[in-house]
Amino acid sequence: MEQNNSIVADNERYRKLVLLHSNDMHGDFLSENVDNKLIGGVSMLSGYINKVKEEEPNTLYCIAGDMFRGSVIDSEYKGISTIEIMNMISPDVVTLGNHEVDYGVSHLLFLEKCAKFPIINSNLHIKTNHARLFKPYLIKEIGGMKILFIGIITELVIKQAKNDGLVGTFVDISEAADEIGRICNAYNSIDIDFTVLLTHIGFDEDKKLAELLDPAWGVDVIIGGHSHTFLEEAEKVNDVLIVQAGTGTDQIGRFDLIIDTENNCVADYKWRSVPINAENCPVDENIAELIKSYKNQTDKKYCRVITRFNRKLTHPTRTQETALGDLLADALKRSLGLDIMLLGSGSIRTEELGPIVMFGDLITAFPYDDDVFMVKVTGAQLKHMIKHTLRDEVWEGAHTEFYQYSEGLHMVYSRKNHAFKEFTFNGEEVADDRMFNIGLQLFHYNNMIDSFDITPEEVLANAPRRTLTTSCRDVIEEYLSENQHLDREVGDRLIIE
């Protein structure tokens, strides 16, 4: 199975299939003007898909999770706008990502009823009877071929769904592989010509999953998401091709495949990432009008100025202290009367904010609007918690939780020695028996074991938790509006050596 620059089907045994794919779109509906050229946006994305389907009749378009979150339009309508837009694009099959559960599992099930396209997932289930919440697979017939799609979710879904106590997943990769095997074994008898896994577990986990797949199951391709990986070419592991198309709508993945329908395998292929721009993508005017109508509605609400920073504040990566992260953590600490705010880095969804901050900018940058709990921890517990967030897998690219810290903390951590060289609060060494009032967002409180390697019971033994606010975004908005010309320099809250 070698990549070839010339993809031609020459007889009835060999059929051509074009497979287009996106992942982690995150409500990226609007085109951007870069150097006077339009880039991305779903109207041009849809235009490209329509163009390819006209040129290549055996074309399918699939999405590997995370259609939701990241835009004002998505947040304002809690995903309903996204579903309506996706209905017009009409993907052939979609699998779930972790952000599909952000509005709650019950709301997700409602959104699935609104969708006019199939949503598949094989390992999200009810704990009591293991009944699946979604159809686990889809068999698509096109051009004389039968294509089997199977959906696999990341274990992060179980974190976001902790409030829905009856919902679980097969979170282990080996268990996911077993589930794939069961589905493949059940439907191989239907003479499946080509098998695709739509996953949302991250590129490194996709490679681990491919290693565990029995070749007899016939999995040909893994189309993944979650890690926002940009590729120059397809990766091959255990004779399974693995691809991903970055994030947003600035590009789309494209497979041109020749399927051997006698041996039910890929005979030849070409994969590339296609830029979505005005040069090669016509605009789908119908979708452009729909998006315009949503934007006009949201602009009325969100186009108001909250504050002005002294300069643009950035959040270039989630695994380091950032200027924007410092500011938001400080806003919650000061407003809620905490000693320390541990703010999830992943709560900040844009790389920059300001200097003029509109309400819509804030919603886009900080879309999560959850509770903040205050819990008491000892100095020893705090050190253990933060040390766990700095373990080796963080630096190896694993999608783990990382935090922004409010003012007062100063930590110097040695990766080589896996130890803190300095750990002070307000200039004083932190004693193991000192008590701290720390703030945690609902998501991070609910996932304390995974995030901090400490149980809620250990923390609650110090004192009962307190709900300080049911809307951390309300707190941040009020703080920013009352404090103009704010600024932060990335300092010495967390130094990694």
Protein backbone atom coordinates (compact mmCIF):
# COMPACT_ATOMS: atom_id res chain seq x y z
CA MET A 1 0.00 0.00 0.00
CA GLU A 2 2.12 2.90 -1.28
CA GLN A 3 1.20 6.52 -1.81
CA ASN A 4 1.02 7.37 -5.49
CA ASN A 5 0.67 10.73 -7.16
CA SER A 6 -1.47 9.24 -9.91
CA ILE A 7 -4.76 7.78 -8.65
CA VAL A 8 -6.72 6.04 -11.39
CA ALA A 9 -9.12 3.12 -11.20
CA ASP A 10 -8.64 0.94 -14.26
CA ASN A 11 -11.33 -1.76 -14.00
CA GLU A 12 -14.38 -2.95 -12.05
CA ARG A 13 -12.28 -4.58 -9.35
CA TYR A 14 -10.61 -1.30 -8.47
CA ARG A 15 -12.94 1.55 -7.51
CA LYS A 16 -12.03 5.14 -6.73
CA LEU A 17 -13.15 6.74 -3.47
CA VAL A 18 -12.53 10.33 -2.38
CA LEU A 19 -12.69 10.82 1.37
CA LEU A 20 -12.80 14.40 2.66
CA HIS A 21 -12.47 15.00 6.38
CA SER A 22 -12.40 17.70 9.08
CA ASN A 23 -11.88 17.66 12.82
CA ASP A 24 -11.88 20.13 15.70
CA MET A 25 -13.77 22.79 13.77
CA HIS A 26 -14.80 24.48 17.04
CA GLY A 27 -17.48 26.69 15.52
CA ASP A 28 -14.96 28.25 13.11
CA PHE A 29 -17.69 29.51 10.78
CA LEU A 30 -16.34 32.81 9.51
CA SER A 31 -13.65 33.46 6.92
CA GLU A 32 -10.66 35.58 7.91
CA ASN A 33 -9.08 38.28 5.80
CA VAL A 34 -5.33 37.63 5.74
CA ASP A 35 -3.27 39.92 3.50
CA ASN A 36 -6.45 40.83 1.60
CA LYS A 37 -7.20 37.13 0.95
CA LEU A 38 -10.09 35.19 2.45
CA ILE A 39 -9.02 32.10 4.43
CA GLY A 40 -11.23 29.39 5.92
CA GLY A 41 -14.86 29.57 6.97
CA VAL A 42 -17.63 27.04 6.38
CA SER A 43 -19.08 28.78 3.32
CA MET A 44 -15.86 28.15 1.36
CA LEU A 45 -15.41 24.76 3.04
CA SER A 46 -18.87 23.76 1.82
CA GLY A 47 -18.07 25.21 -1.60
CA TYR A 48 -15.00 22.99 -1.85
CA ILE A 49 -16.92 19.89 -0.76
CA ASN A 50 -19.64 20.60 -3.35
CA LYS A 51 -17.00 21.16 -6.03
CA VAL A 52 -15.26 17.85 -5.31
CA LYS A 53 -18.55 15.94 -5.24
CA GLU A 54 -19.36 17.32 -8.69
CA GLU A 55 -15.95 16.27 -10.01
CA GLU A 56 -15.77 12.91 -8.19
CA PRO A 57 -19.13 11.13 -7.76
CA ASN A 58 -17.73 8.65 -5.20
CA THR A 59 -16.98 11.30 -2.56
CA LEU A 60 -17.76 11.18 1.16
CA TYR A 61 -17.23 13.89 3.78
CA CYS A 62 -16.78 13.03 7.46
CA ILE A 63 -16.01 14.93 10.68
CA ALA A 64 -13.89 13.46 13.51
CA GLY A 65 -15.42 15.33 16.44
CA ASP A 66 -15.49 18.77 18.10
CA MET A 67 -17.83 20.67 15.83
CA PHE A 68 -18.84 22.72 18.90
CA ARG A 69 -17.26 25.43 21.07
CA GLY A 70 -14.96 28.25 20.09
CA SER A 71 -17.28 30.87 18.62
CA VAL A 72 -19.93 33.28 19.83
CA ILE A 73 -22.43 31.88 17.34
CA ASP A 74 -22.02 28.36 18.74
CA SER A 75 -22.06 29.43 22.39
CA GLU A 76 -25.08 31.73 22.09
CA TYR A 77 -27.27 28.99 20.61
CA LYS A 78 -25.66 26.10 22.55
CA GLY A 79 -24.77 24.18 19.41
CA ILE A 80 -28.16 24.48 17.68
CA SER A 81 -26.68 26.98 15.21
CA THR A 82 -23.79 24.58 14.53
CA ILE A 83 -26.17 21.72 13.82
CA GLU A 84 -28.22 23.88 11.45
CA ILE A 85 -25.09 24.94 9.57
CA MET A 86 -23.81 21.35 9.46
CA ASN A 87 -27.20 20.21 8.18
CA MET A 88 -26.67 22.46 5.16
CA ILE A 89 -23.15 21.11 4.60
CA SER A 90 -24.61 17.61 5.02
CA PRO A 91 -21.64 15.50 6.13
CA ASP A 92 -22.00 11.80 5.40
CA VAL A 93 -20.98 10.79 8.92
CA VAL A 94 -19.81 12.49 12.12
CA THR A 95 -18.36 11.15 15.35
CA LEU A 96 -18.36 12.80 18.76
CA GLY A 97 -15.57 14.85 20.28
CA ASN A 98 -15.17 15.87 23.90
CA HIS A 99 -16.66 19.33 23.27
CA GLU A 100 -19.89 17.83 21.96
CA VAL A 101 -20.66 17.12 25.63
CA ASP A 102 -19.91 20.66 26.87
CA TYR A 103 -23.59 21.60 26.96
CA GLY A 104 -24.49 18.38 28.79
CA VAL A 105 -25.29 14.86 27.67
CA SER A 106 -29.05 15.45 27.64
CA HIS A 107 -28.59 18.52 25.43
CA LEU A 108 -26.31 16.51 23.14
CA LEU A 109 -29.05 13.90 22.71
CA PHE A 110 -31.44 16.74 21.82
CA LEU A 111 -28.93 18.11 19.27
CA GLU A 112 -28.60 14.65 17.75
CA LYS A 113 -32.34 14.70 17.09
CA CYS A 114 -31.89 18.04 15.30
CA ALA A 115 -29.12 16.65 13.10
CA LYS A 116 -30.04 15.47 9.60
CA PHE A 117 -26.79 13.55 9.31
CA PRO A 118 -25.65 10.40 11.15
CA ILE A 119 -23.69 10.78 14.40
CA ILE A 120 -21.90 7.61 15.45
CA ASN A 121 -20.07 6.52 18.59
CA SER A 122 -19.37 2.99 19.73
CA ASN A 123 -18.20 3.47 23.30
CA LEU A 124 -20.36 6.06 25.06
CA HIS A 125 -22.86 4.12 27.14
CA ILE A 126 -25.18 4.00 30.14
CA LYS A 127 -23.32 2.49 33.10
CA THR A 128 -26.23 0.49 34.50
CA ASN A 129 -26.98 -1.62 31.43
CA HIS A 130 -24.16 -0.69 29.00
CA ALA A 131 -26.70 0.49 26.43
CA ARG A 132 -25.04 2.67 23.81
CA LEU A 133 -26.21 6.27 23.52
CA PHE A 134 -25.53 6.42 19.78
CA LYS A 135 -25.40 4.09 16.84
CA PRO A 136 -21.86 2.65 16.94
CA TYR A 137 -21.23 2.42 13.21
CA LEU A 138 -22.45 3.38 9.76
CA ILE A 139 -22.28 1.35 6.57
CA LYS A 140 -22.27 3.67 3.58
CA GLU A 141 -22.79 2.30 0.07
CA ILE A 142 -21.33 4.33 -2.76
CA GLY A 143 -20.05 3.49 -6.25
CA GLY A 144 -20.52 -0.24 -5.76
CA MET A 145 -18.53 -0.17 -2.48
CA LYS A 146 -19.55 -0.72 1.13
CA ILE A 147 -17.72 1.55 3.57
CA LEU A 148 -17.83 0.82 7.32
CA PHE A 149 -17.36 3.78 9.68
CA ILE A 150 -16.87 3.26 13.44
CA GLY A 151 -16.77 6.12 15.99
CA ILE A 152 -14.42 6.18 19.00
CA ILE A 153 -14.36 8.90 21.66
CA THR A 154 -11.64 10.31 23.90
CA GLU A 155 -11.69 9.55 27.60
CA LEU A 156 -12.01 13.31 28.24
CA VAL A 157 -15.72 12.93 27.54
CA ILE A 158 -16.15 11.04 30.77
CA LYS A 159 -14.54 14.00 32.56
CA GLN A 160 -16.95 16.55 31.10
CA ALA A 161 -19.87 14.20 31.74
CA LYS A 162 -19.11 13.61 35.44
CA ASN A 163 -22.33 15.42 36.37
CA ASP A 164 -24.21 12.80 34.36
CA GLY A 165 -23.30 10.02 36.73
CA LEU A 166 -24.92 7.26 34.70
CA VAL A 167 -22.85 7.94 31.60
CA GLY A 168 -19.57 6.12 30.99
CA THR A 169 -17.17 5.13 28.24
CA PHE A 170 -14.75 2.35 27.49
CA VAL A 171 -11.89 4.71 28.24
CA ASP A 172 -8.94 2.36 27.86
CA ILE A 173 -7.37 2.10 24.41
CA SER A 174 -7.23 -1.69 24.60
CA GLU A 175 -10.93 -1.81 25.48
CA ALA A 176 -11.65 0.51 22.55
CA ALA A 177 -9.69 -1.84 20.28
CA ASP A 178 -11.74 -4.79 21.56
CA GLU A 179 -14.94 -2.88 20.81
CA ILE A 180 -13.72 -2.17 17.28
CA GLY A 181 -12.95 -5.86 16.85
CA ARG A 182 -16.46 -6.85 17.93
CA ILE A 183 -18.04 -4.48 15.41
CA CYS A 184 -15.73 -5.50 12.58
CA ASN A 185 -16.30 -9.19 13.29
CA ALA A 186 -20.06 -8.66 13.30
CA TYR A 187 -20.17 -6.88 9.94
CA ASN A 188 -17.30 -8.31 7.91
CA SER A 189 -19.75 -10.89 6.60
CA ILE A 190 -21.55 -8.09 4.73
CA ASP A 191 -18.51 -7.88 2.43
CA ILE A 192 -17.20 -4.55 3.67
CA ASP A 193 -14.78 -3.11 1.12
CA PHE A 194 -13.20 -0.41 3.26
CA THR A 195 -13.18 0.34 7.02
CA VAL A 196 -12.64 3.76 8.61
CA LEU A 197 -12.26 4.58 12.29
CA LEU A 198 -13.42 8.10 13.13
CA THR A 199 -11.66 8.80 16.41
CA HIS A 200 -11.28 11.68 18.82
CA ILE A 201 -8.44 10.50 21.03
CA GLY A 202 -5.39 12.41 19.73
CA PHE A 203 -2.72 11.51 17.18
CA ASP A 204 -0.41 9.64 19.57
CA GLU A 205 -3.31 7.58 20.90
CA ASP A 206 -4.38 6.83 17.32
CA LYS A 207 -0.96 5.28 16.72
CA LYS A 208 -1.27 3.20 19.89
CA LEU A 209 -4.74 2.10 18.83
CA ALA A 210 -3.52 1.09 15.36
CA GLU A 211 -0.89 -1.15 16.94
CA LEU A 212 -3.61 -3.01 18.84
CA LEU A 213 -5.82 -3.69 15.82
CA ASP A 214 -5.88 -7.22 14.46
CA PRO A 215 -5.22 -7.04 10.68
CA ALA A 216 -7.99 -9.59 10.22
CA TRP A 217 -10.50 -6.93 11.32
CA GLY A 218 -9.79 -5.05 8.11
CA VAL A 219 -9.35 -1.51 9.44
CA ASP A 220 -7.81 0.57 6.65
CA VAL A 221 -7.80 4.17 7.87
CA ILE A 222 -7.99 6.13 11.12
CA ILE A 223 -9.26 9.70 10.72
CA GLY A 224 -8.59 11.39 14.03
CA GLY A 225 -9.02 14.56 16.03
CA HIS A 226 -8.50 16.14 19.44
CA SER A 227 -4.74 16.85 19.27
CA HIS A 228 -5.10 19.44 16.45
CA THR A 229 -2.27 17.77 14.54
CA PHE A 230 -1.15 19.19 11.20
CA LEU A 231 0.39 16.59 8.90
CA GLU A 232 2.42 16.75 5.72
CA GLU A 233 1.58 13.15 4.85
CA ALA A 234 -0.36 10.20 6.18
CA GLU A 235 1.27 8.10 8.90
CA LYS A 236 1.15 4.31 8.59
CA VAL A 237 1.13 2.06 11.66
CA ASN A 238 0.39 -1.67 11.50
CA ASP A 239 -0.65 -1.13 7.86
CA VAL A 240 -3.32 1.38 8.99
CA LEU A 241 -3.19 4.89 7.53
CA ILE A 242 -3.61 7.64 10.16
CA VAL A 243 -4.50 11.23 9.29
CA GLN A 244 -5.77 14.41 10.92
CA ALA A 245 -6.56 17.86 9.53
CA GLY A 246 -5.31 20.29 12.16
CA THR A 247 -8.04 22.48 13.59
CA GLY A 248 -10.69 24.93 12.41
CA THR A 249 -11.79 25.37 8.79
CA ASP A 250 -8.61 26.75 7.24
CA GLN A 251 -7.92 23.35 5.67
CA ILE A 252 -9.58 20.03 4.89
CA GLY A 253 -8.05 16.57 4.64
CA ARG A 254 -8.41 14.74 1.33
CA PHE A 255 -7.85 11.07 0.55
CA ASP A 256 -7.93 9.90 -3.08
CA LEU A 257 -8.11 6.13 -2.75
CA ILE A 258 -8.24 3.12 -5.01
CA ILE A 259 -10.16 0.34 -3.28
CA ASP A 260 -9.52 -3.29 -4.21
CA THR A 261 -13.07 -4.63 -3.89
CA GLU A 262 -11.99 -8.25 -4.23
CA ASN A 263 -9.45 -8.19 -1.40
CA ASN A 264 -11.28 -5.43 0.51
CA CYS A 265 -8.26 -3.22 0.99
CA VAL A 266 -6.53 -0.06 -0.22
CA ALA A 267 -4.65 -0.67 -3.46
CA ASP A 268 -3.34 2.87 -3.83
CA TYR A 269 -3.84 6.27 -2.25
CA LYS A 270 -2.91 9.91 -2.14
CA TRP A 271 -3.52 12.10 0.91
CA ARG A 272 -3.04 15.81 1.31
CA SER A 273 -4.24 18.76 3.35
CA VAL A 274 -6.09 21.20 1.09
CA PRO A 275 -6.12 24.91 2.09
CA ILE A 276 -9.57 26.47 2.19
CA ASN A 277 -9.15 29.79 0.43
CA ALA A 278 -10.69 31.87 -2.33
CA GLU A 279 -8.24 30.54 -4.91
CA ASN A 280 -9.54 26.98 -4.96
CA CYS A 281 -12.82 27.08 -3.02
CA PRO A 282 -16.02 28.67 -4.35
CA VAL A 283 -18.35 30.22 -1.77
CA ASP A 284 -21.55 28.37 -0.88
CA GLU A 285 -23.85 31.40 -0.93
CA ASN A 286 -26.69 29.66 0.93
CA ILE A 287 -24.47 28.89 3.91
CA ALA A 288 -22.92 32.36 3.73
CA GLU A 289 -26.41 33.86 4.11
CA LEU A 290 -27.26 31.59 7.05
CA ILE A 291 -24.07 32.50 8.86
CA LYS A 292 -24.67 36.18 8.14
CA SER A 293 -28.12 35.96 9.74
CA TYR A 294 -26.66 34.37 12.89
CA LYS A 295 -23.85 36.92 13.01
CA ASN A 296 -26.29 39.82 12.69
CA GLN A 297 -28.21 38.51 15.69
CA THR A 298 -25.15 37.89 17.86
CA ASP A 299 -23.55 41.22 16.93
CA LYS A 300 -26.45 43.05 18.58
CA LYS A 301 -25.64 41.36 21.88
CA TYR A 302 -21.90 40.88 21.74
CA CYS A 303 -20.60 44.05 20.06
CA ARG A 304 -20.14 46.10 23.21
CA VAL A 305 -16.86 47.13 24.77
CA ILE A 306 -16.01 45.63 28.19
CA THR A 307 -12.55 47.02 28.77
CA ARG A 308 -9.31 48.15 27.25
CA PHE A 309 -5.98 46.56 28.10
CA ASN A 310 -2.74 48.47 27.88
CA ARG A 311 -1.68 46.04 25.18
CA LYS A 312 -2.67 42.75 23.59
CA LEU A 313 -2.37 39.86 26.08
CA THR A 314 -1.43 36.45 24.74
CA HIS A 315 -1.97 32.80 25.57
CA PRO A 316 0.26 31.09 22.97
CA THR A 317 0.24 27.64 24.55
CA ARG A 318 -1.60 25.90 27.35
CA THR A 319 1.55 24.35 28.90
CA GLN A 320 3.23 27.48 30.22
CA GLU A 321 2.45 30.59 32.24
CA THR A 322 0.84 33.20 29.95
CA ALA A 323 -0.02 36.87 30.29
CA LEU A 324 -3.72 36.30 29.60
CA GLY A 325 -3.80 33.30 31.93
CA ASP A 326 -2.21 35.38 34.71
CA LEU A 327 -4.81 38.12 34.31
CA LEU A 328 -7.84 35.83 34.33
CA ALA A 329 -6.55 33.82 37.29
CA ASP A 330 -5.93 37.07 39.19
CA ALA A 331 -9.42 38.34 38.35
CA LEU A 332 -11.02 35.26 39.93
CA LYS A 333 -8.67 35.26 42.94
CA ARG A 334 -9.30 38.92 43.77
CA SER A 335 -13.04 38.87 43.09
CA LEU A 336 -13.73 35.68 45.03
CA GLY A 337 -11.39 36.32 47.97
CA LEU A 338 -9.18 33.28 47.37
CA ASP A 339 -5.61 32.61 48.35
CA ILE A 340 -4.93 30.87 45.04
CA MET A 341 -6.94 30.32 41.84
CA LEU A 342 -6.02 27.28 39.76
CA LEU A 343 -7.45 28.17 36.35
CA GLY A 344 -7.54 25.47 33.69
CA SER A 345 -5.35 26.52 30.76
CA GLY A 346 -7.73 24.82 28.36
CA SER A 347 -10.50 27.19 29.48
CA ILE A 348 -8.77 29.89 27.43
CA ARG A 349 -9.56 29.15 23.79
CA THR A 350 -7.80 31.95 21.91
CA GLU A 351 -4.13 32.86 21.65
CA GLU A 352 -4.68 36.58 22.27
CA LEU A 353 -7.16 39.09 23.63
CA GLY A 354 -7.28 42.90 23.47
CA PRO A 355 -6.28 45.61 23.61
CA ILE A 356 -9.95 46.54 22.99
CA VAL A 357 -12.05 43.74 24.53
CA MET A 358 -15.58 43.35 23.21
CA PHE A 359 -18.04 41.09 25.01
CA GLY A 360 -17.94 38.73 22.02
CA ASP A 361 -14.14 38.59 22.24
CA LEU A 362 -14.37 37.54 25.89
CA ILE A 363 -16.94 34.82 25.14
CA THR A 364 -14.75 33.47 22.34
CA ALA A 365 -11.62 33.56 24.50
CA PHE A 366 -13.32 32.13 27.61
CA PRO A 367 -16.41 30.16 26.52
CA TYR A 368 -16.77 28.06 29.66
CA ASP A 369 -19.19 29.40 32.23
CA ASP A 370 -19.03 26.97 35.13
CA ASP A 371 -19.12 27.14 38.91
CA VAL A 372 -16.08 27.92 41.03
CA PHE A 373 -15.68 25.97 44.27
CA MET A 374 -13.45 26.93 47.16
CA VAL A 375 -11.69 24.05 48.90
CA LYS A 376 -9.04 24.00 51.62
CA VAL A 377 -5.77 22.17 51.00
CA THR A 378 -2.58 21.86 52.98
CA GLY A 379 0.76 23.02 51.65
CA ALA A 380 1.78 19.39 51.20
CA GLN A 381 -1.38 18.64 49.22
CA LEU A 382 -0.92 21.73 47.07
CA LYS A 383 2.64 20.75 46.17
CA HIS A 384 1.52 17.23 45.32
CA MET A 385 -1.35 18.49 43.17
CA ILE A 386 0.78 20.91 41.16
CA LYS A 387 3.63 18.43 40.81
CA HIS A 388 1.19 15.96 39.25
CA THR A 389 0.22 18.54 36.61
CA LEU A 390 3.93 18.83 35.65
CA ARG A 391 4.61 15.12 35.10
CA ASP A 392 6.66 13.97 32.10
CA GLU A 393 3.74 13.14 29.82
CA VAL A 394 2.81 16.85 29.78
CA TRP A 395 6.02 17.66 27.92
CA GLU A 396 5.68 14.61 25.67
CA GLY A 397 2.56 16.02 24.01
CA ALA A 398 -0.12 14.20 26.01
CA HIS A 399 -3.43 16.06 26.26
CA THR A 400 -3.30 16.50 30.06
CA GLU A 401 -4.69 19.27 32.24
CA PHE A 402 -2.44 22.27 32.85
CA TYR A 403 -3.09 25.37 34.95
CA GLN A 404 -2.62 29.12 35.15
CA TYR A 405 -1.82 30.36 38.66
CA SER A 406 -2.88 33.55 40.39
CA GLU A 407 -0.46 36.07 41.88
CA GLY A 408 1.46 35.18 45.01
CA LEU A 409 2.66 31.73 43.96
CA HIS A 410 6.28 31.33 42.86
CA MET A 411 7.43 27.89 41.72
CA VAL A 412 10.63 26.68 40.10
CA TYR A 413 10.32 23.09 38.87
CA SER A 414 13.13 20.83 37.67
CA ARG A 415 12.00 18.44 34.94
CA LYS A 416 15.22 16.48 35.30
CA ASN A 417 14.80 15.86 39.02
CA HIS A 418 10.99 15.86 39.05
CA ALA A 419 11.06 18.20 42.02
CA PHE A 420 10.42 21.80 43.04
CA LYS A 421 13.57 23.83 43.60
CA GLU A 422 11.47 26.70 44.98
CA PHE A 423 7.85 26.84 46.15
CA THR A 424 6.79 30.06 47.87
CA PHE A 425 3.62 32.05 48.49
CA ASN A 426 3.86 35.80 48.98
CA GLY A 427 7.60 35.41 49.40
CA GLU A 428 7.45 32.76 52.13
CA GLU A 429 8.37 29.10 51.80
CA VAL A 430 5.19 27.02 51.79
CA ALA A 431 5.04 24.85 54.90
CA ASP A 432 3.44 21.43 54.53
CA ASP A 433 0.87 22.14 57.26
CA ARG A 434 -0.17 25.60 56.04
CA MET A 435 -3.81 25.80 54.87
CA PHE A 436 -4.83 27.49 51.62
CA ASN A 437 -8.22 28.49 50.20
CA ILE A 438 -7.97 27.53 46.55
CA GLY A 439 -10.46 27.96 43.72
CA LEU A 440 -11.33 25.20 41.25
CA GLN A 441 -13.75 25.28 38.33
CA LEU A 442 -16.50 22.66 38.36
CA PHE A 443 -14.86 20.56 35.63
CA HIS A 444 -11.56 20.39 37.49
CA TYR A 445 -13.19 19.71 40.84
CA ASN A 446 -15.15 16.84 39.33
CA ASN A 447 -11.96 15.41 37.83
CA MET A 448 -9.68 15.99 40.80
CA ILE A 449 -8.16 12.51 40.71
CA ASP A 450 -7.17 12.72 37.04
CA SER A 451 -6.07 16.34 37.20
CA PHE A 452 -4.29 16.43 40.56
CA ASP A 453 -3.88 12.83 41.78
CA ILE A 454 -5.87 13.59 44.90
CA THR A 455 -9.38 12.49 45.88
CA PRO A 456 -12.21 14.86 46.83
CA GLU A 457 -12.45 12.97 50.13
CA GLU A 458 -8.86 13.90 51.01
CA VAL A 459 -9.60 17.56 50.35
CA LEU A 460 -13.02 17.60 52.02
CA ALA A 461 -11.45 16.16 55.18
CA ASN A 462 -9.90 19.63 55.65
CA ALA A 463 -13.19 21.54 55.35
CA PRO A 464 -16.45 21.42 53.34
CA ARG A 465 -16.31 22.90 49.86
CA ARG A 466 -18.06 26.21 49.16
CA THR A 467 -19.67 27.37 45.94
CA LEU A 468 -18.33 30.88 45.38
CA THR A 469 -20.03 31.56 42.06
CA THR A 470 -22.20 29.73 39.57
CA SER A 471 -20.70 31.77 36.70
CA CYS A 472 -16.96 32.33 36.60
CA ARG A 473 -17.40 34.27 33.35
CA ASP A 474 -19.76 36.75 35.05
CA VAL A 475 -17.04 37.32 37.64
CA ILE A 476 -14.37 37.88 35.00
CA GLU A 477 -16.60 40.21 32.95
CA GLU A 478 -17.40 42.34 36.00
CA TYR A 479 -13.76 42.54 37.03
CA LEU A 480 -12.60 43.56 33.55
CA SER A 481 -15.32 46.18 33.18
CA GLU A 482 -14.47 47.72 36.56
CA ASN A 483 -10.71 47.71 35.96
CA GLN A 484 -9.62 49.43 32.77
CA HIS A 485 -6.11 49.50 31.25
CA LEU A 486 -5.06 46.21 32.81
CA ASP A 487 -1.75 44.59 31.93
CA ARG A 488 0.28 41.52 32.86
CA GLU A 489 3.86 40.53 32.17
CA VAL A 490 4.63 36.83 32.28
CA GLY A 491 6.69 36.64 35.42
CA ASP A 492 7.89 33.98 37.79
CA ARG A 493 4.76 32.20 38.90
CA LEU A 494 5.85 28.96 37.22
CA ILE A 495 9.39 28.50 35.93
CA ILE A 496 10.25 25.18 34.27
CA GLU A 497 13.92 24.18 34.14
